[in-house]
Amino acid sequence: MASLYLSMTEAVINHWKANRNAYPQKFVLSPAQYEGYARTRRNGIGGAKANINEHMGIPVEVAEGTPGVMVAADGSEVSLR
């Protein structure tokens, strides 16, 4: 799931560049994605003691059936794949 961490980070950076440093609303991950993301964070990627309920200050939600998205400031969804 390190690649998910990197995909999320890249999505935020691209969002900042395209939206005058505005933050996205949130990330929405499937339960399996969140479990892997949390495990990766606990193992030290992005800071072992970091809050796993947010990524770079952006809330992380869990929802069944999502492919894994970032919800942009305007409400559009950006795939994390």
PDB file of N, CA and C in Angstrom:
ATOM      1  N   MET A   1       0.802  -1.208   0.000  1.00  0.00           N
ATOM      2  CA  MET A   1       0.000   0.000   0.000  1.00  0.00           C
ATOM      3  C   MET A   1       0.844   1.270   0.000  1.00  0.00           C
ATOM      4  N   ALA A   2       2.160   1.078  -0.040  1.00  0.00           N
ATOM      5  CA  ALA A   2       3.010   2.268  -0.142  1.00  0.00           C
ATOM      6  C   ALA A   2       2.661   3.040  -1.404  1.00  0.00           C
ATOM      7  N   SER A   3       2.281   2.312  -2.455  1.00  0.00           N
ATOM      8  CA  SER A   3       1.919   3.000  -3.689  1.00  0.00           C
ATOM      9  C   SER A   3       0.647   3.827  -3.506  1.00  0.00           C
ATOM     10  N   LEU A   4      -0.271   3.378  -2.638  1.00  0.00           N
ATOM     11  CA  LEU A   4      -1.472   4.170  -2.353  1.00  0.00           C
ATOM     12  C   LEU A   4      -1.074   5.463  -1.649  1.00  0.00           C
ATOM     13  N   TYR A   5      -0.164   5.368  -0.706  1.00  0.00           N
ATOM     14  CA  TYR A   5       0.333   6.563  -0.026  1.00  0.00           C
ATOM     15  C   TYR A   5       0.904   7.540  -1.058  1.00  0.00           C
ATOM     16  N   LEU A   6       1.715   7.018  -1.972  1.00  0.00           N
ATOM     17  CA  LEU A   6       2.322   7.874  -2.991  1.00  0.00           C
ATOM     18  C   LEU A   6       1.273   8.451  -3.939  1.00  0.00           C
ATOM     19  N   SER A   7       0.274   7.656  -4.305  1.00  0.00           N
ATOM     20  CA  SER A   7      -0.807   8.143  -5.173  1.00  0.00           C
ATOM     21  C   SER A   7      -1.594   9.256  -4.501  1.00  0.00           C
ATOM     22  N   MET A   8      -1.851   9.088  -3.215  1.00  0.00           N
ATOM     23  CA  MET A   8      -2.585  10.114  -2.467  1.00  0.00           C
ATOM     24  C   MET A   8      -1.768  11.397  -2.393  1.00  0.00           C
ATOM     25  N   THR A   9      -0.482  11.262  -2.116  1.00  0.00           N
ATOM     26  CA  THR A   9       0.394  12.434  -2.035  1.00  0.00           C
ATOM     27  C   THR A   9       0.464  13.152  -3.377  1.00  0.00           C
ATOM     28  N   GLU A  10       0.619  12.397  -4.444  1.00  0.00           N
ATOM     29  CA  GLU A  10       0.672  12.989  -5.788  1.00  0.00           C
ATOM     30  C   GLU A  10      -0.641  13.696  -6.136  1.00  0.00           C
ATOM     31  N   ALA A  11      -1.767  13.089  -5.767  1.00  0.00           N
ATOM     32  CA  ALA A  11      -3.069  13.705  -6.042  1.00  0.00           C
ATOM     33  C   ALA A  11      -3.198  15.047  -5.330  1.00  0.00           C
ATOM     34  N   VAL A  12      -2.738  15.121  -4.085  1.00  0.00           N
ATOM     35  CA  VAL A  12      -2.807  16.381  -3.335  1.00  0.00           C
ATOM     36  C   VAL A  12      -1.931  17.439  -3.990  1.00  0.00           C
ATOM     37  N   ILE A  13      -0.716  17.070  -4.328  1.00  0.00           N
ATOM     38  CA  ILE A  13       0.201  18.033  -4.953  1.00  0.00           C
ATOM     39  C   ILE A  13      -0.364  18.551  -6.272  1.00  0.00           C
ATOM     40  N   ASN A  14      -0.900  17.655  -7.087  1.00  0.00           N
ATOM     41  CA  ASN A  14      -1.505  18.083  -8.356  1.00  0.00           C
ATOM     42  C   ASN A  14      -2.712  18.979  -8.123  1.00  0.00           C
ATOM     43  N   HIS A  15      -3.489  18.678  -7.086  1.00  0.00           N
ATOM     44  CA  HIS A  15      -4.655  19.499  -6.756  1.00  0.00           C
ATOM     45  C   HIS A  15      -4.210  20.894  -6.342  1.00  0.00           C
ATOM     46  N   TRP A  16      -3.200  20.960  -5.496  1.00  0.00           N
ATOM     47  CA  TRP A  16      -2.683  22.268  -5.075  1.00  0.00           C
ATOM     48  C   TRP A  16      -2.255  23.092  -6.294  1.00  0.00           C
ATOM     49  N   LYS A  17      -1.513  22.468  -7.192  1.00  0.00           N
ATOM     50  CA  LYS A  17      -1.013  23.186  -8.378  1.00  0.00           C
ATOM     51  C   LYS A  17      -2.151  23.699  -9.252  1.00  0.00           C
ATOM     52  N   ALA A  18      -3.207  22.901  -9.374  1.00  0.00           N
ATOM     53  CA  ALA A  18      -4.317  23.263 -10.261  1.00  0.00           C
ATOM     54  C   ALA A  18      -5.339  24.183  -9.598  1.00  0.00           C
ATOM     55  N   ASN A  19      -5.278  24.311  -8.273  1.00  0.00           N
ATOM     56  CA  ASN A  19      -6.328  25.040  -7.551  1.00  0.00           C
ATOM     57  C   ASN A  19      -5.784  26.074  -6.576  1.00  0.00           C
ATOM     58  N   ARG A  20      -4.684  26.688  -6.944  1.00  0.00           N
ATOM     59  CA  ARG A  20      -4.118  27.778  -6.145  1.00  0.00           C
ATOM     60  C   ARG A  20      -3.957  27.397  -4.680  1.00  0.00           C
ATOM     61  N   ASN A  21      -3.395  26.215  -4.458  1.00  0.00           N
ATOM     62  CA  ASN A  21      -3.093  25.689  -3.124  1.00  0.00           C
ATOM     63  C   ASN A  21      -4.315  25.360  -2.271  1.00  0.00           C
ATOM     64  N   ALA A  22      -5.488  25.271  -2.893  1.00  0.00           N
ATOM     65  CA  ALA A  22      -6.689  24.862  -2.151  1.00  0.00           C
ATOM     66  C   ALA A  22      -6.583  23.383  -1.786  1.00  0.00           C
ATOM     67  N   TYR A  23      -7.061  23.060  -0.606  1.00  0.00           N
ATOM     68  CA  TYR A  23      -7.055  21.669  -0.161  1.00  0.00           C
ATOM     69  C   TYR A  23      -8.251  20.914  -0.733  1.00  0.00           C
ATOM     70  N   PRO A  24      -8.042  19.638  -1.052  1.00  0.00           N
ATOM     71  CA  PRO A  24      -9.171  18.785  -1.418  1.00  0.00           C
ATOM     72  C   PRO A  24     -10.079  18.601  -0.200  1.00  0.00           C
ATOM     73  N   GLN A  25     -11.314  18.140  -0.428  1.00  0.00           N
ATOM     74  CA  GLN A  25     -12.253  17.933   0.670  1.00  0.00           C
ATOM     75  C   GLN A  25     -11.888  16.731   1.518  1.00  0.00           C
ATOM     76  N   LYS A  26     -11.555  15.606   0.841  1.00  0.00           N
ATOM     77  CA  LYS A  26     -11.286  14.368   1.581  1.00  0.00           C
ATOM     78  C   LYS A  26     -10.796  13.288   0.629  1.00  0.00           C
ATOM     79  N   PHE A  27     -10.347  12.196   1.236  1.00  0.00           N
ATOM     80  CA  PHE A  27     -10.071  10.956   0.525  1.00  0.00           C
ATOM     81  C   PHE A  27     -11.134   9.961   0.946  1.00  0.00           C
ATOM     82  N   VAL A  28     -11.532   9.091   0.040  1.00  0.00           N
ATOM     83  CA  VAL A  28     -12.480   8.022   0.363  1.00  0.00           C
ATOM     84  C   VAL A  28     -11.830   6.713  -0.089  1.00  0.00           C
ATOM     85  N   LEU A  29     -11.578   5.840   0.886  1.00  0.00           N
ATOM     86  CA  LEU A  29     -10.929   4.566   0.625  1.00  0.00           C
ATOM     87  C   LEU A  29     -11.852   3.415   0.987  1.00  0.00           C
ATOM     88  N   SER A  30     -11.688   2.290   0.307  1.00  0.00           N
ATOM     89  CA  SER A  30     -12.422   1.082   0.684  1.00  0.00           C
ATOM     90  C   SER A  30     -11.836   0.565   1.998  1.00  0.00           C
ATOM     91  N   PRO A  31     -12.560  -0.291   2.714  1.00  0.00           N
ATOM     92  CA  PRO A  31     -12.010  -0.847   3.959  1.00  0.00           C
ATOM     93  C   PRO A  31     -10.658  -1.538   3.745  1.00  0.00           C
ATOM     94  N   ALA A  32     -10.503  -2.281   2.666  1.00  0.00           N
ATOM     95  CA  ALA A  32      -9.233  -2.963   2.397  1.00  0.00           C
ATOM     96  C   ALA A  32      -8.120  -1.951   2.114  1.00  0.00           C
ATOM     97  N   GLN A  33      -8.424  -0.920   1.348  1.00  0.00           N
ATOM     98  CA  GLN A  33      -7.427   0.110   1.063  1.00  0.00           C
ATOM     99  C   GLN A  33      -7.018   0.818   2.355  1.00  0.00           C
ATOM    100  N   TYR A  34      -8.007   1.136   3.184  1.00  0.00           N
ATOM    101  CA  TYR A  34      -7.709   1.835   4.434  1.00  0.00           C
ATOM    102  C   TYR A  34      -6.854   0.967   5.349  1.00  0.00           C
ATOM    103  N   GLU A  35      -7.163  -0.314   5.420  1.00  0.00           N
ATOM    104  CA  GLU A  35      -6.384  -1.220   6.261  1.00  0.00           C
ATOM    105  C   GLU A  35      -4.920  -1.233   5.808  1.00  0.00           C
ATOM    106  N   GLY A  36      -4.700  -1.342   4.509  1.00  0.00           N
ATOM    107  CA  GLY A  36      -3.347  -1.319   3.980  1.00  0.00           C
ATOM    108  C   GLY A  36      -2.665   0.021   4.192  1.00  0.00           C
ATOM    109  N   TYR A  37      -3.413   1.098   3.984  1.00  0.00           N
ATOM    110  CA  TYR A  37      -2.882   2.450   4.196  1.00  0.00           C
ATOM    111  C   TYR A  37      -2.469   2.621   5.651  1.00  0.00           C
ATOM    112  N   ALA A  38      -3.324   2.206   6.580  1.00  0.00           N
ATOM    113  CA  ALA A  38      -3.035   2.337   8.005  1.00  0.00           C
ATOM    114  C   ALA A  38      -1.801   1.514   8.385  1.00  0.00           C
ATOM    115  N   ARG A  39      -1.714   0.307   7.867  1.00  0.00           N
ATOM    116  CA  ARG A  39      -0.565  -0.556   8.158  1.00  0.00           C
ATOM    117  C   ARG A  39       0.722   0.098   7.654  1.00  0.00           C
ATOM    118  N   THR A  40       0.677   0.649   6.453  1.00  0.00           N
ATOM    119  CA  THR A  40       1.840   1.321   5.891  1.00  0.00           C
ATOM    120  C   THR A  40       2.255   2.495   6.756  1.00  0.00           C
ATOM    121  N   ARG A  41       1.281   3.288   7.181  1.00  0.00           N
ATOM    122  CA  ARG A  41       1.583   4.456   8.019  1.00  0.00           C
ATOM    123  C   ARG A  41       2.172   4.027   9.360  1.00  0.00           C
ATOM    124  N   ARG A  42       1.611   2.988   9.945  1.00  0.00           N
ATOM    125  CA  ARG A  42       2.117   2.511  11.240  1.00  0.00           C
ATOM    126  C   ARG A  42       3.541   1.970  11.116  1.00  0.00           C
ATOM    127  N   ASN A  43       3.893   1.497   9.919  1.00  0.00           N
ATOM    128  CA  ASN A  43       5.240   0.976   9.683  1.00  0.00           C
ATOM    129  C   ASN A  43       6.246   2.065   9.358  1.00  0.00           C
ATOM    130  N   GLY A  44       5.813   3.295   9.296  1.00  0.00           N
ATOM    131  CA  GLY A  44       6.754   4.397   9.156  1.00  0.00           C
ATOM    132  C   GLY A  44       6.679   5.225   7.904  1.00  0.00           C
ATOM    133  N   ILE A  45       5.944   4.798   6.881  1.00  0.00           N
ATOM    134  CA  ILE A  45       5.848   5.627   5.683  1.00  0.00           C
ATOM    135  C   ILE A  45       4.961   6.830   5.999  1.00  0.00           C
ATOM    136  N   GLY A  46       5.496   8.000   5.814  1.00  0.00           N
ATOM    137  CA  GLY A  46       4.756   9.221   6.110  1.00  0.00           C
ATOM    138  C   GLY A  46       4.775   9.600   7.582  1.00  0.00           C
ATOM    139  N   GLY A  47       5.512   8.858   8.380  1.00  0.00           N
ATOM    140  CA  GLY A  47       5.601   9.144   9.813  1.00  0.00           C
ATOM    141  C   GLY A  47       4.840   8.121  10.622  1.00  0.00           C
ATOM    142  N   ALA A  48       5.543   7.310  11.359  1.00  0.00           N
ATOM    143  CA  ALA A  48       4.937   6.201  12.097  1.00  0.00           C
ATOM    144  C   ALA A  48       3.888   6.653  13.108  1.00  0.00           C
ATOM    145  N   LYS A  49       4.025   7.820  13.658  1.00  0.00           N
ATOM    146  CA  LYS A  49       3.077   8.277  14.675  1.00  0.00           C
ATOM    147  C   LYS A  49       2.065   9.268  14.123  1.00  0.00           C
ATOM    148  N   ALA A  50       1.992   9.337  12.823  1.00  0.00           N
ATOM    149  CA  ALA A  50       1.068  10.266  12.171  1.00  0.00           C
ATOM    150  C   ALA A  50      -0.385   9.835  12.390  1.00  0.00           C
ATOM    151  N   ASN A  51      -1.281  10.780  12.302  1.00  0.00           N
ATOM    152  CA  ASN A  51      -2.717  10.514  12.395  1.00  0.00           C
ATOM    153  C   ASN A  51      -3.155   9.810  11.115  1.00  0.00           C
ATOM    154  N   ILE A  52      -3.584   8.548  11.240  1.00  0.00           N
ATOM    155  CA  ILE A  52      -3.953   7.794  10.042  1.00  0.00           C
ATOM    156  C   ILE A  52      -5.359   8.117   9.558  1.00  0.00           C
ATOM    157  N   ASN A  53      -6.059   8.991  10.252  1.00  0.00           N
ATOM    158  CA  ASN A  53      -7.385   9.415   9.807  1.00  0.00           C
ATOM    159  C   ASN A  53      -7.318  10.645   8.924  1.00  0.00           C
ATOM    160  N   GLU A  54      -6.100  11.043   8.587  1.00  0.00           N
ATOM    161  CA  GLU A  54      -5.923  12.143   7.642  1.00  0.00           C
ATOM    162  C   GLU A  54      -4.624  11.913   6.882  1.00  0.00           C
ATOM    163  N   HIS A  55      -4.557  12.503   5.718  1.00  0.00           N
ATOM    164  CA  HIS A  55      -3.360  12.423   4.883  1.00  0.00           C
ATOM    165  C   HIS A  55      -3.002  13.841   4.478  1.00  0.00           C
ATOM    166  N   MET A  56      -1.859  14.316   4.945  1.00  0.00           N
ATOM    167  CA  MET A  56      -1.410  15.678   4.654  1.00  0.00           C
ATOM    168  C   MET A  56      -2.466  16.703   5.090  1.00  0.00           C
ATOM    169  N   GLY A  57      -3.144  16.408   6.194  1.00  0.00           N
ATOM    170  CA  GLY A  57      -4.156  17.318   6.720  1.00  0.00           C
ATOM    171  C   GLY A  57      -5.533  17.164   6.108  1.00  0.00           C
ATOM    172  N   ILE A  58      -5.703  16.195   5.229  1.00  0.00           N
ATOM    173  CA  ILE A  58      -6.977  15.975   4.537  1.00  0.00           C
ATOM    174  C   ILE A  58      -7.650  14.742   5.127  1.00  0.00           C
ATOM    175  N   PRO A  59      -8.915  14.842   5.526  1.00  0.00           N
ATOM    176  CA  PRO A  59      -9.598  13.698   6.145  1.00  0.00           C
ATOM    177  C   PRO A  59      -9.630  12.474   5.230  1.00  0.00           C
ATOM    178  N   VAL A  60      -9.512  11.306   5.853  1.00  0.00           N
ATOM    179  CA  VAL A  60      -9.606  10.031   5.142  1.00  0.00           C
ATOM    180  C   VAL A  60     -10.856   9.323   5.654  1.00  0.00           C
ATOM    181  N   GLU A  61     -11.783   9.038   4.747  1.00  0.00           N
ATOM    182  CA  GLU A  61     -13.012   8.319   5.088  1.00  0.00           C
ATOM    183  C   GLU A  61     -12.940   6.912   4.516  1.00  0.00           C
ATOM    184  N   VAL A  62     -13.739   6.029   5.088  1.00  0.00           N
ATOM    185  CA  VAL A  62     -13.818   4.651   4.619  1.00  0.00           C
ATOM    186  C   VAL A  62     -15.245   4.405   4.142  1.00  0.00           C
ATOM    187  N   ALA A  63     -15.373   3.805   2.948  1.00  0.00           N
ATOM    188  CA  ALA A  63     -16.698   3.508   2.394  1.00  0.00           C
ATOM    189  C   ALA A  63     -16.618   2.238   1.561  1.00  0.00           C
ATOM    190  N   GLU A  64     -17.613   1.399   1.709  1.00  0.00           N
ATOM    191  CA  GLU A  64     -17.707   0.188   0.893  1.00  0.00           C
ATOM    192  C   GLU A  64     -17.911   0.576  -0.570  1.00  0.00           C
ATOM    193  N   GLY A  65     -17.315  -0.178  -1.450  1.00  0.00           N
ATOM    194  CA  GLY A  65     -17.585  -0.022  -2.876  1.00  0.00           C
ATOM    195  C   GLY A  65     -16.850   1.100  -3.583  1.00  0.00           C
ATOM    196  N   THR A  66     -16.051   1.859  -2.877  1.00  0.00           N
ATOM    197  CA  THR A  66     -15.312   2.924  -3.555  1.00  0.00           C
ATOM    198  C   THR A  66     -14.066   2.347  -4.213  1.00  0.00           C
ATOM    199  N   PRO A  67     -13.676   2.884  -5.350  1.00  0.00           N
ATOM    200  CA  PRO A  67     -12.433   2.440  -5.968  1.00  0.00           C
ATOM    201  C   PRO A  67     -11.213   3.130  -5.349  1.00  0.00           C
ATOM    202  N   GLY A  68     -11.459   4.088  -4.460  1.00  0.00           N
ATOM    203  CA  GLY A  68     -10.399   4.903  -3.873  1.00  0.00           C
ATOM    204  C   GLY A  68     -10.291   6.204  -4.639  1.00  0.00           C
ATOM    205  N   VAL A  69     -10.767   7.289  -4.016  1.00  0.00           N
ATOM    206  CA  VAL A  69     -10.785   8.584  -4.695  1.00  0.00           C
ATOM    207  C   VAL A  69     -10.363   9.705  -3.754  1.00  0.00           C
ATOM    208  N   MET A  70      -9.964  10.797  -4.362  1.00  0.00           N
ATOM    209  CA  MET A  70      -9.794  12.055  -3.662  1.00  0.00           C
ATOM    210  C   MET A  70     -10.942  12.932  -4.117  1.00  0.00           C
ATOM    211  N   VAL A  71     -11.632  13.551  -3.185  1.00  0.00           N
ATOM    212  CA  VAL A  71     -12.712  14.473  -3.527  1.00  0.00           C
ATOM    213  C   VAL A  71     -12.100  15.871  -3.556  1.00  0.00           C
ATOM    214  N   ALA A  72     -12.080  16.447  -4.745  1.00  0.00           N
ATOM    215  CA  ALA A  72     -11.460  17.755  -4.952  1.00  0.00           C
ATOM    216  C   ALA A  72     -12.268  18.853  -4.264  1.00  0.00           C
ATOM    217  N   ALA A  73     -11.683  20.031  -4.219  1.00  0.00           N
ATOM    218  CA  ALA A  73     -12.350  21.164  -3.590  1.00  0.00           C
ATOM    219  C   ALA A  73     -13.704  21.456  -4.225  1.00  0.00           C
ATOM    220  N   ASP A  74     -13.839  21.192  -5.520  1.00  0.00           N
ATOM    221  CA  ASP A  74     -15.099  21.465  -6.217  1.00  0.00           C
ATOM    222  C   ASP A  74     -16.084  20.286  -6.150  1.00  0.00           C
ATOM    223  N   GLY A  75     -15.699  19.212  -5.439  1.00  0.00           N
ATOM    224  CA  GLY A  75     -16.589  18.063  -5.291  1.00  0.00           C
ATOM    225  C   GLY A  75     -16.375  16.958  -6.314  1.00  0.00           C
ATOM    226  N   SER A  76     -15.567  17.221  -7.325  1.00  0.00           N
ATOM    227  CA  SER A  76     -15.284  16.164  -8.305  1.00  0.00           C
ATOM    228  C   SER A  76     -14.385  15.105  -7.680  1.00  0.00           C
ATOM    229  N   GLU A  77     -14.473  13.890  -8.216  1.00  0.00           N
ATOM    230  CA  GLU A  77     -13.678  12.786  -7.684  1.00  0.00           C
ATOM    231  C   GLU A  77     -12.504  12.487  -8.610  1.00  0.00           C
ATOM    232  N   VAL A  78     -11.357  12.292  -7.998  1.00  0.00           N
ATOM    233  CA  VAL A  78     -10.139  11.976  -8.732  1.00  0.00           C
ATOM    234  C   VAL A  78      -9.700  10.582  -8.301  1.00  0.00           C
ATOM    235  N   SER A  79      -9.556   9.683  -9.253  1.00  0.00           N
ATOM    236  CA  SER A  79      -9.152   8.305  -8.957  1.00  0.00           C
ATOM    237  C   SER A  79      -7.737   8.275  -8.406  1.00  0.00           C
ATOM    238  N   LEU A  80      -7.506   7.375  -7.458  1.00  0.00           N
ATOM    239  CA  LEU A  80      -6.173   7.223  -6.888  1.00  0.00           C
ATOM    240  C   LEU A  80      -5.378   6.122  -7.578  1.00  0.00           C
ATOM    241  N   ARG A  81      -5.870   5.606  -8.647  1.00  0.00           N
ATOM    242  CA  ARG A  81      -5.152   4.536  -9.372  1.00  0.00           C
ATOM    243  C   ARG A  81      -4.236   5.077 -10.414  1.00  0.00           C
TER     244      ARG A  81
END
